[in-house]
N, C-alpha and C. Protein backbone atom coordinates (compact mmCIF):
# COMPACT_ATOMS: atom_id res chain seq x y z
N MET A 1 10.53 -12.80 0.04
CA MET A 1 10.74 -12.23 -1.20
C MET A 1 9.83 -10.91 -1.17
N GLY A 2 8.99 -11.00 -0.26
CA GLY A 2 8.02 -9.77 -0.31
C GLY A 2 8.54 -8.69 0.34
N GLU A 3 9.08 -9.01 1.30
CA GLU A 3 10.36 -7.86 2.01
C GLU A 3 11.08 -7.44 0.95
N ARG A 4 11.63 -7.54 0.18
CA ARG A 4 12.77 -8.13 -0.65
C ARG A 4 11.97 -6.71 -1.44
N MET A 5 10.97 -7.02 -2.12
CA MET A 5 10.39 -6.49 -3.20
C MET A 5 10.02 -5.13 -2.90
N ILE A 6 9.23 -5.14 -1.40
CA ILE A 6 8.88 -3.40 -0.98
C ILE A 6 10.05 -2.83 -1.03
N ARG A 7 11.04 -3.47 -0.56
CA ARG A 7 12.37 -2.23 -0.60
C ARG A 7 12.83 -1.89 -2.20
N GLN A 8 13.05 -2.75 -2.94
CA GLN A 8 13.15 -2.32 -3.91
C GLN A 8 12.21 -1.34 -4.97
N LEU A 9 10.71 -1.65 -4.36
CA LEU A 9 9.81 -0.53 -4.87
C LEU A 9 10.19 1.07 -4.04
N ARG A 10 10.53 0.83 -2.42
CA ARG A 10 11.08 2.26 -2.27
C ARG A 10 11.77 2.94 -2.53
N SER A 11 12.87 1.77 -3.02
CA SER A 11 14.60 2.50 -3.75
C SER A 11 14.14 2.85 -5.18
N LYS A 12 13.33 2.50 -5.98
CA LYS A 12 13.16 3.09 -7.19
C LYS A 12 12.23 4.50 -7.06
N LYS A 13 11.32 4.28 -5.84
CA LYS A 13 10.64 5.43 -5.64
C LYS A 13 11.28 6.67 -5.05
N GLU A 14 12.12 6.48 -4.16
CA GLU A 14 13.22 7.45 -3.58
C GLU A 14 13.96 7.82 -4.69
N GLU A 15 14.76 7.31 -5.47
CA GLU A 15 15.34 7.54 -6.42
C GLU A 15 14.56 8.64 -7.58
N SER A 16 13.38 8.20 -7.86
CA SER A 16 12.79 8.86 -8.85
C SER A 16 12.35 10.04 -8.32
N ASP A 17 11.49 10.36 -7.14
CA ASP A 17 11.18 11.49 -6.63
C ASP A 17 12.11 12.43 -5.64
N GLY A 18 13.28 11.86 -5.32
CA GLY A 18 14.20 12.71 -4.84
C GLY A 18 14.01 13.06 -3.72
N SER A 19 14.10 14.30 -3.45
CA SER A 19 13.57 15.06 -2.05
C SER A 19 12.08 15.40 -1.93
N GLU A 20 11.44 15.35 -3.00
CA GLU A 20 10.36 15.37 -2.50
C GLU A 20 9.65 13.78 -2.75
N PHE A 21 10.38 12.78 -2.25
CA PHE A 21 9.84 11.33 -1.54
C PHE A 21 9.28 11.40 -0.24
N ASP A 22 7.65 11.09 -0.03
CA ASP A 22 7.25 11.26 0.80
C ASP A 22 7.23 9.60 1.44
N VAL A 23 7.46 9.35 2.29
CA VAL A 23 7.70 7.87 2.84
C VAL A 23 5.97 7.44 3.50
N ARG A 24 5.45 8.74 3.92
CA ARG A 24 4.19 8.36 4.11
C ARG A 24 2.99 8.16 3.17
N GLU A 25 3.58 8.50 2.24
CA GLU A 25 2.88 8.27 1.08
C GLU A 25 2.95 6.94 0.47
N PHE A 26 4.38 6.50 0.16
CA PHE A 26 4.87 5.44 0.02
C PHE A 26 3.99 4.00 0.99
N HIS A 27 4.02 4.25 2.27
CA HIS A 27 3.37 3.35 3.38
C HIS A 27 1.99 3.38 2.75
N ALA A 28 1.42 4.64 2.79
CA ALA A 28 -0.20 4.21 2.81
C ALA A 28 -0.95 3.78 1.50
N ASP A 29 0.11 3.87 0.28
CA ASP A 29 -0.01 2.99 -0.80
C ASP A 29 0.41 1.56 -0.88
N TYR A 30 1.39 1.25 -0.42
CA TYR A 30 1.64 -0.29 0.11
C TYR A 30 0.31 -0.94 0.62
N LEU A 31 -0.18 -0.12 1.93
CA LEU A 31 -0.76 -0.55 2.57
C LEU A 31 -2.14 -1.05 1.59
N ALA A 32 -2.55 0.27 1.08
CA ALA A 32 -4.05 -0.28 0.26
C ALA A 32 -3.63 -0.83 -1.24
N CYS A 33 -2.78 -1.73 -1.19
CA CYS A 33 -2.52 -2.55 -2.50
C CYS A 33 -2.48 -3.90 -1.93
N LEU A 34 -2.84 -4.28 -0.87
CA LEU A 34 -2.87 -5.61 -0.09
C LEU A 34 -3.31 -6.71 -1.25
N GLY A 35 -2.32 -7.54 -1.37
CA GLY A 35 -2.77 -8.42 -2.22
C GLY A 35 -1.44 -9.22 -3.17
N PHE A 36 -1.41 -9.66 -4.29
CA PHE A 36 -0.28 -10.74 -4.66
C PHE A 36 0.77 -10.02 -4.82
N LEU A 37 1.96 -10.10 -4.57
CA LEU A 37 2.93 -9.68 -4.83
C LEU A 37 3.45 -9.23 -6.55
N ASP A 38 2.95 -10.06 -7.33
CA ASP A 38 3.24 -9.41 -8.48
C ASP A 38 2.09 -8.44 -9.58
N GLU A 39 1.29 -7.95 -8.46
CA GLU A 39 0.57 -6.90 -9.11
C GLU A 39 0.50 -5.41 -7.89
N LEU A 40 1.47 -5.90 -6.61
CA LEU A 40 2.01 -4.59 -6.06
C LEU A 40 2.59 -3.47 -6.69
N GLU A 41 3.64 -3.71 -7.85
CA GLU A 41 4.01 -2.48 -8.38
C GLU A 41 3.04 -1.94 -9.23
N GLU A 42 1.93 -2.49 -10.11
CA GLU A 42 1.67 -1.89 -10.62
C GLU A 42 0.22 -0.95 -9.89
N CYS A 43 -0.37 -1.87 -8.75
CA CYS A 43 -1.01 -1.17 -7.98
C CYS A 43 -0.79 0.45 -7.59
N VAL A 44 0.35 0.16 -6.74
CA VAL A 44 1.12 1.51 -6.18
C VAL A 44 1.26 2.51 -7.31
N ALA A 45 1.68 2.08 -8.91
CA ALA A 45 1.60 3.13 -9.69
C ALA A 45 0.32 3.83 -9.73
N GLU A 46 -0.68 2.52 -9.87
CA GLU A 46 -2.07 3.25 -10.08
C GLU A 46 -2.12 4.37 -9.29
N ARG A 47 -1.95 3.96 -7.90
CA ARG A 47 -2.25 5.09 -6.87
C ARG A 47 -1.51 6.89 -7.05
N GLU A 48 -0.01 6.33 -7.38
CA GLU A 48 0.70 7.48 -7.41
C GLU A 48 -0.29 8.24 -8.82
N ALA A 49 -0.30 7.66 -9.65
CA ALA A 49 -0.99 8.34 -10.82
C ALA A 49 -2.37 9.20 -10.52
N GLU A 50 -2.97 8.39 -9.75
CA GLU A 50 -4.14 9.17 -9.16
C GLU A 50 -4.14 9.69 -8.15
N ARG A 51 -2.79 10.22 -7.36
CA ARG A 51 -2.51 11.20 -6.30
C ARG A 51 -2.36 12.70 -6.88
N ARG A 52 -1.64 11.77 -8.73
CA ARG A 52 -1.07 13.39 -9.18
C ARG A 52 -2.13 14.11 -9.95
N SER A 53 -3.35 13.30 -10.01
CA SER A 53 -3.97 13.50 -11.40
C SER A 53 -4.94 15.08 -10.45
N PRO A 54 -5.42 15.80 -10.92
CA PRO A 54 -6.25 17.34 -10.42
C PRO A 54 -7.38 16.54 -9.44
N GLY A 55 -6.94 17.05 -8.39
CA GLY A 55 -7.81 16.57 -7.07
C GLY A 55 -7.50 15.92 -6.46
N GLY A 56 -6.69 14.84 -7.26
CA GLY A 56 -6.56 13.43 -6.63
C GLY A 56 -6.00 13.19 -4.92
N LYS A 57 -5.12 14.36 -4.31
CA LYS A 57 -4.80 14.17 -3.05
C LYS A 57 -6.25 14.29 -2.42
N ALA A 58 -6.70 15.20 -2.92
CA ALA A 58 -7.96 15.25 -1.75
C ALA A 58 -9.26 14.69 -2.01
N ARG A 59 -9.10 13.57 -3.09
CA ARG A 59 -10.08 12.34 -3.14
C ARG A 59 -9.14 11.35 -2.09
N MET A 60 -8.02 10.92 -2.41
CA MET A 60 -7.39 10.17 -1.47
C MET A 60 -7.18 10.30 0.12
N ARG A 61 -7.54 11.39 0.16
CA ARG A 61 -7.62 12.00 1.61
C ARG A 61 -8.80 11.32 2.49
N ALA A 62 -9.85 11.74 1.38
CA ALA A 62 -11.38 11.77 1.92
C ALA A 62 -11.44 10.11 1.61
N GLU A 63 -10.62 9.09 0.78
CA GLU A 63 -11.21 8.13 1.07
C GLU A 63 -9.72 7.12 1.82
N SER A 64 -8.93 7.76 2.42
CA SER A 64 -8.45 6.67 3.37
C SER A 64 -8.80 6.13 4.57
N GLY A 65 -10.20 6.83 5.10
CA GLY A 65 -10.72 6.12 6.61
C GLY A 65 -11.10 4.78 6.17
N ALA A 66 -11.60 4.69 4.58
CA ALA A 66 -12.60 3.79 4.25
C ALA A 66 -11.24 2.61 3.98
N SER A 67 -9.97 3.22 3.41
CA SER A 67 -8.72 2.55 3.07
C SER A 67 -8.42 1.39 4.52
N ARG A 68 -8.07 2.36 5.35
CA ARG A 68 -7.84 1.97 6.99
C ARG A 68 -8.92 0.88 7.28
N THR A 69 -9.93 0.96 7.26
CA THR A 69 -10.96 0.25 7.99
C THR A 69 -10.91 -1.37 7.22
N THR A 70 -10.36 -1.36 5.96
CA THR A 70 -10.30 -2.42 5.04
C THR A 70 -9.05 -2.98 5.37
N THR A 71 -7.93 -2.35 5.34
CA THR A 71 -6.83 -2.71 5.68
C THR A 71 -6.77 -3.50 6.95
N MET A 72 -7.48 -3.00 8.17
CA MET A 72 -7.22 -3.61 9.13
C MET A 72 -8.24 -4.85 9.22
N THR A 73 -9.65 -4.68 8.63
CA THR A 73 -10.52 -5.94 8.61
C THR A 73 -9.48 -7.24 7.59
N ALA A 74 -8.69 -6.88 6.91
CA ALA A 74 -7.97 -7.33 5.91
C ALA A 74 -6.86 -8.17 7.30
N GLY A 75 -6.01 -7.38 7.69
CA GLY A 75 -5.08 -7.97 8.43
C GLY A 75 -5.91 -8.86 9.97
N MET A 76 -7.17 -8.69 10.54
CA MET A 76 -7.72 -8.99 11.25
C MET A 76 -7.89 -10.55 10.66
N LEU A 77 -8.45 -10.37 9.67
CA LEU A 77 -8.98 -11.91 8.68
C LEU A 77 -7.78 -12.63 8.59
N MET A 78 -6.62 -12.17 8.45
CA MET A 78 -5.19 -12.98 8.46
C MET A 78 -5.00 -13.39 9.66
N ALA A 79 -5.08 -12.66 10.88
CA ALA A 79 -4.40 -13.13 12.21
C ALA A 79 -5.47 -14.06 12.52
N VAL A 80 -6.96 -14.23 12.04
CA VAL A 80 -7.78 -15.01 12.84
C VAL A 80 -7.61 -16.20 11.85
N THR A 81 -7.45 -16.07 10.80
CA THR A 81 -7.28 -17.42 9.96
C THR A 81 -5.79 -18.14 10.10
N TRP A 82 -4.73 -17.43 10.67
CA TRP A 82 -3.78 -18.12 11.20
C TRP A 82 -3.88 -18.57 12.50
N LEU A 83 -4.70 -18.28 13.29
CA LEU A 83 -4.61 -18.76 14.29
C LEU A 83 -5.37 -20.36 14.57
N LEU A 84 -6.52 -19.75 13.41
CA LEU A 84 -7.53 -21.23 13.15
C LEU A 84 -6.68 -22.68 12.37
N MET A 85 -5.88 -22.40 12.00
CA MET A 85 -4.72 -23.12 11.20
C MET A 85 -3.93 -23.83 12.37
N ARG A 86 -3.36 -23.21 13.46
CA ARG A 86 -2.29 -23.38 14.58
C ARG A 86 -3.17 -24.01 15.46
N LEU A 87 -4.42 -23.76 15.33
CA LEU A 87 -5.69 -24.61 16.39
C LEU A 87 -5.95 -25.82 15.80
N LEU A 88 -6.33 -25.61 14.55
CA LEU A 88 -6.50 -27.28 13.45
C LEU A 88 -5.95 -28.38 13.42
């Protein structure tokens, strides 16, 4: 279900942006919006609006380091949780 939703969001984004579609920005938005699937579309839309605001790209680049750290930490937490569930 999650993969299907992400593919649908990407298709919509590709259609709306046309030749200006940037897969790196799409992936960055998706990774920054880890959480419930029903909130994913809204979160990605909010990040896109932020990017399009005056000075938005520069702000987001400055914040991306913290975002990557948070994403890595969340991924590590999920992996450890999965491992513990398998062991117990």
